[in-house]
Amino acid sequence: MSDIKARFDQALADSKLLPAKPDNNTLLQMYSLFKQGSVGDATGERPGFTDFVGRAKYDAWAGLKGKTQEAAQQAYIDLVESLKK
């Protein structure tokens, strides 16, 4: 297991123990970085217009298209670290 993958996994665990729940925009950013870091570019159909949450999540993830998984993992780690303070 690479060092970045181990730190990404630790950040995932740490994200569940944050001192305060992040705001919705930060949660959306965390979701999109998690998906890009674990799966890669967005796949599948964009949710329909009545699925507001699913559509926002998909759009945030699709907005990271082309970002490498390692770069997304590092960005996720950095974001979680900043929220722990």
Protein backbone atom coordinates (compact mmCIF):
# COMPACT_ATOMS: atom_id res chain seq x y z
CA MET A 1 0.00 0.00 0.00
CA SER A 2 1.41 3.35 -0.98
CA ASP A 3 1.97 6.08 1.58
CA ILE A 4 -0.66 8.36 0.01
CA LYS A 5 -3.23 5.53 0.08
CA ALA A 6 -2.53 4.87 3.75
CA ARG A 7 -2.86 8.58 4.59
CA PHE A 8 -6.07 8.76 2.49
CA ASP A 9 -7.53 5.84 4.43
CA GLN A 10 -6.57 7.54 7.70
CA ALA A 11 -8.18 10.80 6.55
CA LEU A 12 -11.38 8.86 5.78
CA ALA A 13 -11.42 7.55 9.34
CA ASP A 14 -10.56 10.99 10.74
CA SER A 15 -13.40 12.60 8.77
CA LYS A 16 -15.90 10.71 10.90
CA LEU A 17 -14.36 12.18 14.08
CA LEU A 18 -14.30 15.87 13.19
CA PRO A 19 -15.05 18.24 16.08
CA ALA A 20 -17.91 19.89 14.15
CA LYS A 21 -19.99 18.89 11.16
CA PRO A 22 -18.75 20.74 8.05
CA ASP A 23 -21.13 22.96 6.08
CA ASN A 24 -22.87 21.55 3.00
CA ASN A 25 -20.38 23.03 0.51
CA THR A 26 -17.47 21.46 2.38
CA LEU A 27 -19.30 18.14 2.58
CA LEU A 28 -19.85 18.31 -1.18
CA GLN A 29 -16.17 19.04 -1.71
CA MET A 30 -15.23 16.11 0.55
CA TYR A 31 -17.58 13.82 -1.36
CA SER A 32 -16.23 14.80 -4.78
CA LEU A 33 -12.60 14.43 -3.67
CA PHE A 34 -13.38 11.07 -2.10
CA LYS A 35 -15.05 9.80 -5.27
CA GLN A 36 -12.29 11.13 -7.55
CA GLY A 37 -9.63 9.70 -5.22
CA SER A 38 -11.20 6.27 -4.95
CA VAL A 39 -12.93 5.75 -8.33
CA GLY A 40 -11.49 8.30 -10.75
CA ASP A 41 -13.48 10.38 -13.23
CA ALA A 42 -17.28 10.48 -12.85
CA THR A 43 -19.15 7.64 -14.49
CA GLY A 44 -22.77 6.84 -15.20
CA GLU A 45 -25.73 9.02 -15.98
CA ARG A 46 -26.23 12.43 -14.41
CA PRO A 47 -29.20 12.19 -12.02
CA GLY A 48 -32.48 13.72 -13.12
CA PHE A 49 -33.52 17.27 -12.29
CA THR A 50 -35.76 16.14 -9.42
CA ASP A 51 -32.82 14.51 -7.60
CA PHE A 52 -31.25 17.72 -6.32
CA VAL A 53 -28.77 16.09 -3.93
CA GLY A 54 -27.67 13.39 -6.37
CA ARG A 55 -27.28 15.96 -9.12
CA ALA A 56 -25.17 18.26 -6.93
CA LYS A 57 -22.96 15.36 -5.91
CA TYR A 58 -22.53 14.18 -9.49
CA ASP A 59 -21.77 17.70 -10.75
CA ALA A 60 -19.17 18.26 -8.01
CA TRP A 61 -17.51 14.94 -8.85
CA ALA A 62 -17.65 15.56 -12.60
CA GLY A 63 -16.04 18.96 -12.00
CA LEU A 64 -12.86 17.15 -10.97
CA LYS A 65 -12.57 15.31 -14.30
CA GLY A 66 -8.93 14.84 -15.25
CA LYS A 67 -7.59 15.24 -11.69
CA THR A 68 -5.46 12.22 -10.86
CA GLN A 69 -6.56 9.91 -8.08
CA GLU A 70 -3.38 10.69 -6.14
CA ALA A 71 -3.96 14.46 -6.43
CA ALA A 72 -7.57 14.04 -5.29
CA GLN A 73 -6.45 11.87 -2.38
CA GLN A 74 -3.90 14.50 -1.31
CA ALA A 75 -6.51 17.26 -1.58
CA TYR A 76 -8.90 15.18 0.57
CA ILE A 77 -6.17 14.62 3.17
CA ASP A 78 -5.38 18.35 3.25
CA LEU A 79 -9.06 19.27 3.58
CA VAL A 80 -9.68 16.87 6.46
CA GLU A 81 -6.52 18.07 8.21
CA SER A 82 -7.71 21.69 7.92
CA LEU A 83 -11.10 20.73 9.42
CA LYS A 84 -9.51 19.01 12.41
CA LYS A 85 -8.13 22.33 13.69
